[in-house]
Amino acid sequence: MLLEGLKLMIVGMASVMLFLLLLIACIELVKFLTCNFTMKQEQSLLQSRKSDSNKYKTDSKLEVPVEVFAAAIASYESDNNNS
């Protein structure tokens, strides 16, 4: 009886170990297959971050006076109130 229990334990542990090894192999395969896609995504993310950081640097030629914004808001609100 004890011998049968040990056999069952060994077979059970071996099957769990084989399943986990198969799972690790599948994960490594997916990692290998998506390696190029991941590198392209990281490069595009870095480029977008660089372009975003450059976008917020203001140029004195592009600055619009506050009065223009206030007039635009007032015009928008008056159009919405009339509708």
PDB file of N, CA and C in Angstrom:
ATOM      1  N   MET A   1       0.824  -1.189   0.000  1.00  0.00           N
ATOM      2  CA  MET A   1       0.000   0.000   0.000  1.00  0.00           C
ATOM      3  C   MET A   1       0.874   1.261   0.000  1.00  0.00           C
ATOM      4  N   LEU A   2       1.887   1.232   0.806  1.00  0.00           N
ATOM      5  CA  LEU A   2       2.798   2.370   0.867  1.00  0.00           C
ATOM      6  C   LEU A   2       3.538   2.538  -0.457  1.00  0.00           C
ATOM      7  N   LEU A   3       3.905   1.429  -1.057  1.00  0.00           N
ATOM      8  CA  LEU A   3       4.609   1.463  -2.339  1.00  0.00           C
ATOM      9  C   LEU A   3       3.727   2.057  -3.444  1.00  0.00           C
ATOM     10  N   GLU A   4       2.440   1.723  -3.429  1.00  0.00           N
ATOM     11  CA  GLU A   4       1.513   2.285  -4.413  1.00  0.00           C
ATOM     12  C   GLU A   4       1.348   3.792  -4.216  1.00  0.00           C
ATOM     13  N   GLY A   5       1.322   4.239  -2.975  1.00  0.00           N
ATOM     14  CA  GLY A   5       1.238   5.669  -2.679  1.00  0.00           C
ATOM     15  C   GLY A   5       2.461   6.418  -3.179  1.00  0.00           C
ATOM     16  N   LEU A   6       3.633   5.835  -2.993  1.00  0.00           N
ATOM     17  CA  LEU A   6       4.866   6.457  -3.472  1.00  0.00           C
ATOM     18  C   LEU A   6       4.888   6.526  -5.001  1.00  0.00           C
ATOM     19  N   LYS A   7       4.419   5.440  -5.652  1.00  0.00           N
ATOM     20  CA  LYS A   7       4.356   5.445  -7.118  1.00  0.00           C
ATOM     21  C   LYS A   7       3.425   6.553  -7.606  1.00  0.00           C
ATOM     22  N   LEU A   8       2.253   6.653  -6.966  1.00  0.00           N
ATOM     23  CA  LEU A   8       1.290   7.683  -7.355  1.00  0.00           C
ATOM     24  C   LEU A   8       1.873   9.081  -7.150  1.00  0.00           C
ATOM     25  N   MET A   9       2.579   9.263  -6.036  1.00  0.00           N
ATOM     26  CA  MET A   9       3.202  10.557  -5.771  1.00  0.00           C
ATOM     27  C   MET A   9       4.255  10.884  -6.827  1.00  0.00           C
ATOM     28  N   ILE A  10       5.084   9.921  -7.178  1.00  0.00           N
ATOM     29  CA  ILE A  10       6.142  10.152  -8.163  1.00  0.00           C
ATOM     30  C   ILE A  10       5.546  10.436  -9.535  1.00  0.00           C
ATOM     31  N   VAL A  11       4.531   9.661  -9.920  1.00  0.00           N
ATOM     32  CA  VAL A  11       3.887   9.892 -11.220  1.00  0.00           C
ATOM     33  C   VAL A  11       3.213  11.262 -11.237  1.00  0.00           C
ATOM     34  N   GLY A  12       2.545  11.635 -10.154  1.00  0.00           N
ATOM     35  CA  GLY A  12       1.880  12.937 -10.084  1.00  0.00           C
ATOM     36  C   GLY A  12       2.870  14.088 -10.149  1.00  0.00           C
ATOM     37  N   MET A  13       3.927  14.005  -9.380  1.00  0.00           N
ATOM     38  CA  MET A  13       4.948  15.055  -9.384  1.00  0.00           C
ATOM     39  C   MET A  13       5.649  15.141 -10.738  1.00  0.00           C
ATOM     40  N   ALA A  14       5.894  14.004 -11.356  1.00  0.00           N
ATOM     41  CA  ALA A  14       6.538  14.007 -12.670  1.00  0.00           C
ATOM     42  C   ALA A  14       5.636  14.646 -13.716  1.00  0.00           C
ATOM     43  N   SER A  15       4.339  14.349 -13.652  1.00  0.00           N
ATOM     44  CA  SER A  15       3.423  14.950 -14.633  1.00  0.00           C
ATOM     45  C   SER A  15       3.321  16.461 -14.431  1.00  0.00           C
ATOM     46  N   VAL A  16       3.297  16.914 -13.188  1.00  0.00           N
ATOM     47  CA  VAL A  16       3.270  18.358 -12.911  1.00  0.00           C
ATOM     48  C   VAL A  16       4.562  19.005 -13.405  1.00  0.00           C
ATOM     49  N   MET A  17       5.681  18.365 -13.166  1.00  0.00           N
ATOM     50  CA  MET A  17       6.974  18.899 -13.608  1.00  0.00           C
ATOM     51  C   MET A  17       7.041  18.986 -15.131  1.00  0.00           C
ATOM     52  N   LEU A  18       6.568  17.953 -15.822  1.00  0.00           N
ATOM     53  CA  LEU A  18       6.561  17.987 -17.284  1.00  0.00           C
ATOM     54  C   LEU A  18       5.646  19.088 -17.810  1.00  0.00           C
ATOM     55  N   PHE A  19       4.486  19.270 -17.174  1.00  0.00           N
ATOM     56  CA  PHE A  19       3.576  20.333 -17.587  1.00  0.00           C
ATOM     57  C   PHE A  19       4.222  21.702 -17.408  1.00  0.00           C
ATOM     58  N   LEU A  20       4.879  21.912 -16.291  1.00  0.00           N
ATOM     59  CA  LEU A  20       5.530  23.203 -16.052  1.00  0.00           C
ATOM     60  C   LEU A  20       6.676  23.448 -17.029  1.00  0.00           C
ATOM     61  N   LEU A  21       7.434  22.406 -17.342  1.00  0.00           N
ATOM     62  CA  LEU A  21       8.507  22.553 -18.328  1.00  0.00           C
ATOM     63  C   LEU A  21       7.941  22.882 -19.709  1.00  0.00           C
ATOM     64  N   LEU A  22       6.830  22.246 -20.059  1.00  0.00           N
ATOM     65  CA  LEU A  22       6.172  22.553 -21.332  1.00  0.00           C
ATOM     66  C   LEU A  22       5.666  23.988 -21.356  1.00  0.00           C
ATOM     67  N   LEU A  23       5.126  24.440 -20.241  1.00  0.00           N
ATOM     68  CA  LEU A  23       4.647  25.817 -20.143  1.00  0.00           C
ATOM     69  C   LEU A  23       5.800  26.809 -20.284  1.00  0.00           C
ATOM     70  N   ILE A  24       6.918  26.539 -19.664  1.00  0.00           N
ATOM     71  CA  ILE A  24       8.094  27.408 -19.783  1.00  0.00           C
ATOM     72  C   ILE A  24       8.592  27.427 -21.224  1.00  0.00           C
ATOM     73  N   ALA A  25       8.602  26.279 -21.880  1.00  0.00           N
ATOM     74  CA  ALA A  25       9.039  26.219 -23.275  1.00  0.00           C
ATOM     75  C   ALA A  25       8.113  27.037 -24.169  1.00  0.00           C
ATOM     76  N   CYS A  26       6.813  26.975 -23.930  1.00  0.00           N
ATOM     77  CA  CYS A  26       5.860  27.766 -24.728  1.00  0.00           C
ATOM     78  C   CYS A  26       6.063  29.265 -24.515  1.00  0.00           C
ATOM     79  N   ILE A  27       6.305  29.656 -23.285  1.00  0.00           N
ATOM     80  CA  ILE A  27       6.547  31.078 -22.988  1.00  0.00           C
ATOM     81  C   ILE A  27       7.811  31.556 -23.682  1.00  0.00           C
ATOM     82  N   GLU A  28       8.856  30.761 -23.649  1.00  0.00           N
ATOM     83  CA  GLU A  28      10.100  31.135 -24.327  1.00  0.00           C
ATOM     84  C   GLU A  28       9.903  31.211 -25.839  1.00  0.00           C
ATOM     85  N   LEU A  29       9.103  30.323 -26.395  1.00  0.00           N
ATOM     86  CA  LEU A  29       8.818  30.357 -27.830  1.00  0.00           C
ATOM     87  C   LEU A  29       8.078  31.631 -28.207  1.00  0.00           C
ATOM     88  N   VAL A  30       7.084  32.011 -27.415  1.00  0.00           N
ATOM     89  CA  VAL A  30       6.345  33.250 -27.682  1.00  0.00           C
ATOM     90  C   VAL A  30       7.269  34.453 -27.545  1.00  0.00           C
ATOM     91  N   LYS A  31       8.158  34.427 -26.560  1.00  0.00           N
ATOM     92  CA  LYS A  31       9.119  35.520 -26.386  1.00  0.00           C
ATOM     93  C   LYS A  31      10.028  35.637 -27.603  1.00  0.00           C
ATOM     94  N   PHE A  32      10.473  34.507 -28.120  1.00  0.00           N
ATOM     95  CA  PHE A  32      11.339  34.509 -29.289  1.00  0.00           C
ATOM     96  C   PHE A  32      10.594  35.007 -30.523  1.00  0.00           C
ATOM     97  N   LEU A  33       9.351  34.592 -30.690  1.00  0.00           N
ATOM     98  CA  LEU A  33       8.587  34.982 -31.872  1.00  0.00           C
ATOM     99  C   LEU A  33       8.192  36.451 -31.859  1.00  0.00           C
ATOM    100  N   THR A  34       8.025  37.042 -30.679  1.00  0.00           N
ATOM    101  CA  THR A  34       7.599  38.440 -30.586  1.00  0.00           C
ATOM    102  C   THR A  34       8.752  39.395 -30.292  1.00  0.00           C
ATOM    103  N   CYS A  35       9.975  38.927 -30.363  1.00  0.00           N
ATOM    104  CA  CYS A  35      11.136  39.759 -30.027  1.00  0.00           C
ATOM    105  C   CYS A  35      11.235  40.981 -30.941  1.00  0.00           C
ATOM    106  N   ASN A  36      11.094  40.783 -32.255  1.00  0.00           N
ATOM    107  CA  ASN A  36      11.199  41.905 -33.191  1.00  0.00           C
ATOM    108  C   ASN A  36      10.078  42.909 -32.984  1.00  0.00           C
ATOM    109  N   PHE A  37       8.880  42.423 -32.759  1.00  0.00           N
ATOM    110  CA  PHE A  37       7.745  43.315 -32.535  1.00  0.00           C
ATOM    111  C   PHE A  37       7.959  44.150 -31.281  1.00  0.00           C
ATOM    112  N   THR A  38       8.481  43.537 -30.235  1.00  0.00           N
ATOM    113  CA  THR A  38       8.727  44.238 -28.980  1.00  0.00           C
ATOM    114  C   THR A  38       9.779  45.324 -29.162  1.00  0.00           C
ATOM    115  N   MET A  39      10.837  45.030 -29.896  1.00  0.00           N
ATOM    116  CA  MET A  39      11.879  46.035 -30.119  1.00  0.00           C
ATOM    117  C   MET A  39      11.332  47.204 -30.933  1.00  0.00           C
ATOM    118  N   LYS A  40      10.500  46.918 -31.951  1.00  0.00           N
ATOM    119  CA  LYS A  40       9.911  47.993 -32.745  1.00  0.00           C
ATOM    120  C   LYS A  40       8.987  48.854 -31.893  1.00  0.00           C
ATOM    121  N   GLN A  41       8.210  48.238 -31.019  1.00  0.00           N
ATOM    122  CA  GLN A  41       7.315  48.985 -30.145  1.00  0.00           C
ATOM    123  C   GLN A  41       8.103  49.874 -29.190  1.00  0.00           C
ATOM    124  N   GLU A  42       9.197  49.362 -28.633  1.00  0.00           N
ATOM    125  CA  GLU A  42      10.012  50.156 -27.724  1.00  0.00           C
ATOM    126  C   GLU A  42      10.647  51.340 -28.441  1.00  0.00           C
ATOM    127  N   GLN A  43      11.120  51.131 -29.667  1.00  0.00           N
ATOM    128  CA  GLN A  43      11.725  52.213 -30.430  1.00  0.00           C
ATOM    129  C   GLN A  43      10.696  53.283 -30.767  1.00  0.00           C
ATOM    130  N   SER A  44       9.506  52.878 -31.179  1.00  0.00           N
ATOM    131  CA  SER A  44       8.482  53.869 -31.507  1.00  0.00           C
ATOM    132  C   SER A  44       8.031  54.619 -30.267  1.00  0.00           C
ATOM    133  N   LEU A  45       7.988  53.935 -29.112  1.00  0.00           N
ATOM    134  CA  LEU A  45       7.630  54.605 -27.868  1.00  0.00           C
ATOM    135  C   LEU A  45       8.684  55.632 -27.482  1.00  0.00           C
ATOM    136  N   LEU A  46       9.957  55.284 -27.627  1.00  0.00           N
ATOM    137  CA  LEU A  46      11.021  56.237 -27.320  1.00  0.00           C
ATOM    138  C   LEU A  46      10.985  57.436 -28.258  1.00  0.00           C
ATOM    139  N   GLN A  47      10.726  57.191 -29.543  1.00  0.00           N
ATOM    140  CA  GLN A  47      10.646  58.295 -30.499  1.00  0.00           C
ATOM    141  C   GLN A  47       9.464  59.205 -30.193  1.00  0.00           C
ATOM    142  N   SER A  48       8.343  58.623 -29.814  1.00  0.00           N
ATOM    143  CA  SER A  48       7.182  59.458 -29.502  1.00  0.00           C
ATOM    144  C   SER A  48       7.429  60.272 -28.240  1.00  0.00           C
ATOM    145  N   ARG A  49       8.138  59.698 -27.272  1.00  0.00           N
ATOM    146  CA  ARG A  49       8.458  60.464 -26.063  1.00  0.00           C
ATOM    147  C   ARG A  49       9.405  61.610 -26.380  1.00  0.00           C
ATOM    148  N   LYS A  50      10.376  61.355 -27.269  1.00  0.00           N
ATOM    149  CA  LYS A  50      11.294  62.425 -27.649  1.00  0.00           C
ATOM    150  C   LYS A  50      10.561  63.522 -28.388  1.00  0.00           C
ATOM    151  N   SER A  51       9.658  63.163 -29.289  1.00  0.00           N
ATOM    152  CA  SER A  51       8.929  64.175 -30.046  1.00  0.00           C
ATOM    153  C   SER A  51       7.965  64.934 -29.143  1.00  0.00           C
ATOM    154  N   ASP A  52       7.378  64.253 -28.134  1.00  0.00           N
ATOM    155  CA  ASP A  52       6.490  64.936 -27.203  1.00  0.00           C
ATOM    156  C   ASP A  52       7.255  65.932 -26.349  1.00  0.00           C
ATOM    157  N   SER A  53       8.465  65.583 -25.946  1.00  0.00           N
ATOM    158  CA  SER A  53       9.242  66.507 -25.118  1.00  0.00           C
ATOM    159  C   SER A  53       9.653  67.730 -25.932  1.00  0.00           C
ATOM    160  N   ASN A  54       9.887  67.558 -27.230  1.00  0.00           N
ATOM    161  CA  ASN A  54      10.232  68.698 -28.077  1.00  0.00           C
ATOM    162  C   ASN A  54       9.002  69.540 -28.397  1.00  0.00           C
ATOM    163  N   LYS A  55       7.837  68.941 -28.352  1.00  0.00           N
ATOM    164  CA  LYS A  55       6.613  69.653 -28.722  1.00  0.00           C
ATOM    165  C   LYS A  55       6.274  70.733 -27.707  1.00  0.00           C
ATOM    166  N   TYR A  56       6.603  70.513 -26.431  1.00  0.00           N
ATOM    167  CA  TYR A  56       6.218  71.449 -25.395  1.00  0.00           C
ATOM    168  C   TYR A  56       7.169  72.628 -25.246  1.00  0.00           C
ATOM    169  N   LYS A  57       8.261  72.608 -25.966  1.00  0.00           N
ATOM    170  CA  LYS A  57       9.147  73.765 -25.949  1.00  0.00           C
ATOM    171  C   LYS A  57       8.500  74.857 -26.796  1.00  0.00           C
ATOM    172  N   THR A  58       8.183  75.970 -26.173  1.00  0.00           N
ATOM    173  CA  THR A  58       7.451  77.020 -26.872  1.00  0.00           C
ATOM    174  C   THR A  58       8.403  77.910 -27.648  1.00  0.00           C
ATOM    175  N   ASP A  59       7.933  78.339 -28.763  1.00  0.00           N
ATOM    176  CA  ASP A  59       8.666  79.284 -29.598  1.00  0.00           C
ATOM    177  C   ASP A  59       7.977  80.630 -29.442  1.00  0.00           C
ATOM    178  N   SER A  60       8.738  81.704 -29.252  1.00  0.00           N
ATOM    179  CA  SER A  60       8.139  83.012 -29.003  1.00  0.00           C
ATOM    180  C   SER A  60       7.314  83.482 -30.203  1.00  0.00           C
ATOM    181  N   LYS A  61       7.623  82.986 -31.399  1.00  0.00           N
ATOM    182  CA  LYS A  61       6.861  83.376 -32.582  1.00  0.00           C
ATOM    183  C   LYS A  61       5.470  82.740 -32.584  1.00  0.00           C
ATOM    184  N   LEU A  62       5.323  81.607 -31.915  1.00  0.00           N
ATOM    185  CA  LEU A  62       4.058  80.877 -31.936  1.00  0.00           C
ATOM    186  C   LEU A  62       3.142  81.216 -30.769  1.00  0.00           C
ATOM    187  N   GLU A  63       3.596  82.023 -29.834  1.00  0.00           N
ATOM    188  CA  GLU A  63       2.778  82.355 -28.679  1.00  0.00           C
ATOM    189  C   GLU A  63       1.638  83.281 -29.097  1.00  0.00           C
ATOM    190  N   VAL A  64       0.451  82.962 -28.544  1.00  0.00           N
ATOM    191  CA  VAL A  64      -0.737  83.750 -28.841  1.00  0.00           C
ATOM    192  C   VAL A  64      -1.085  84.534 -27.582  1.00  0.00           C
ATOM    193  N   PRO A  65      -1.425  85.807 -27.716  1.00  0.00           N
ATOM    194  CA  PRO A  65      -1.765  86.603 -26.530  1.00  0.00           C
ATOM    195  C   PRO A  65      -2.997  86.041 -25.808  1.00  0.00           C
ATOM    196  N   VAL A  66      -3.073  86.303 -24.513  1.00  0.00           N
ATOM    197  CA  VAL A  66      -4.166  85.808 -23.692  1.00  0.00           C
ATOM    198  C   VAL A  66      -5.489  86.411 -24.141  1.00  0.00           C
ATOM    199  N   GLU A  67      -5.455  87.631 -24.645  1.00  0.00           N
ATOM    200  CA  GLU A  67      -6.686  88.294 -25.074  1.00  0.00           C
ATOM    201  C   GLU A  67      -7.364  87.523 -26.209  1.00  0.00           C
ATOM    202  N   VAL A  68      -6.567  86.912 -27.067  1.00  0.00           N
ATOM    203  CA  VAL A  68      -7.127  86.141 -28.180  1.00  0.00           C
ATOM    204  C   VAL A  68      -7.867  84.924 -27.643  1.00  0.00           C
ATOM    205  N   PHE A  69      -7.284  84.256 -26.658  1.00  0.00           N
ATOM    206  CA  PHE A  69      -7.966  83.113 -26.051  1.00  0.00           C
ATOM    207  C   PHE A  69      -9.255  83.559 -25.361  1.00  0.00           C
ATOM    208  N   ALA A  70      -9.207  84.671 -24.656  1.00  0.00           N
ATOM    209  CA  ALA A  70     -10.393  85.162 -23.955  1.00  0.00           C
ATOM    210  C   ALA A  70     -11.496  85.504 -24.950  1.00  0.00           C
ATOM    211  N   ALA A  71     -11.142  86.117 -26.067  1.00  0.00           N
ATOM    212  CA  ALA A  71     -12.136  86.461 -27.078  1.00  0.00           C
ATOM    213  C   ALA A  71     -12.726  85.203 -27.712  1.00  0.00           C
ATOM    214  N   ALA A  72     -11.906  84.192 -27.949  1.00  0.00           N
ATOM    215  CA  ALA A  72     -12.393  82.944 -28.526  1.00  0.00           C
ATOM    216  C   ALA A  72     -13.358  82.247 -27.576  1.00  0.00           C
ATOM    217  N   ILE A  73     -13.037  82.241 -26.286  1.00  0.00           N
ATOM    218  CA  ILE A  73     -13.912  81.609 -25.302  1.00  0.00           C
ATOM    219  C   ILE A  73     -15.226  82.366 -25.203  1.00  0.00           C
ATOM    220  N   ALA A  74     -15.148  83.682 -25.175  1.00  0.00           N
ATOM    221  CA  ALA A  74     -16.368  84.490 -25.091  1.00  0.00           C
ATOM    222  C   ALA A  74     -17.238  84.266 -26.314  1.00  0.00           C
ATOM    223  N   SER A  75     -16.648  84.196 -27.480  1.00  0.00           N
ATOM    224  CA  SER A  75     -17.413  83.957 -28.703  1.00  0.00           C
ATOM    225  C   SER A  75     -18.060  82.575 -28.680  1.00  0.00           C
ATOM    226  N   TYR A  76     -17.352  81.590 -28.231  1.00  0.00           N
ATOM    227  CA  TYR A  76     -17.882  80.228 -28.159  1.00  0.00           C
ATOM    228  C   TYR A  76     -19.053  80.158 -27.179  1.00  0.00           C
ATOM    229  N   GLU A  77     -18.886  80.786 -26.025  1.00  0.00           N
ATOM    230  CA  GLU A  77     -19.956  80.754 -25.029  1.00  0.00           C
ATOM    231  C   GLU A  77     -21.183  81.513 -25.509  1.00  0.00           C
ATOM    232  N   SER A  78     -20.991  82.637 -26.195  1.00  0.00           N
ATOM    233  CA  SER A  78     -22.148  83.391 -26.676  1.00  0.00           C
ATOM    234  C   SER A  78     -22.867  82.619 -27.790  1.00  0.00           C
ATOM    235  N   ASP A  79     -22.136  81.916 -28.615  1.00  0.00           N
ATOM    236  CA  ASP A  79     -22.773  81.083 -29.648  1.00  0.00           C
ATOM    237  C   ASP A  79     -23.586  79.948 -29.024  1.00  0.00           C
ATOM    238  N   ASN A  80     -23.061  79.352 -27.974  1.00  0.00           N
ATOM    239  CA  ASN A  80     -23.766  78.252 -27.304  1.00  0.00           C
ATOM    240  C   ASN A  80     -24.974  78.740 -26.530  1.00  0.00           C
ATOM    241  N   ASN A  81     -24.904  79.940 -25.979  1.00  0.00           N
ATOM    242  CA  ASN A  81     -26.043  80.488 -25.240  1.00  0.00           C
ATOM    243  C   ASN A  81     -27.177  80.880 -26.190  1.00  0.00           C
ATOM    244  N   ASN A  82     -26.856  81.298 -27.385  1.00  0.00           N
ATOM    245  CA  ASN A  82     -27.875  81.692 -28.354  1.00  0.00           C
ATOM    246  C   ASN A  82     -28.580  80.498 -28.968  1.00  0.00           C
ATOM    247  N   SER A  83     -27.919  79.359 -29.009  1.00  0.00           N
ATOM    248  CA  SER A  83     -28.490  78.172 -29.662  1.00  0.00           C
ATOM    249  C   SER A  83     -29.533  77.504 -28.812  1.00  0.00           C
TER     250      SER A  83
END
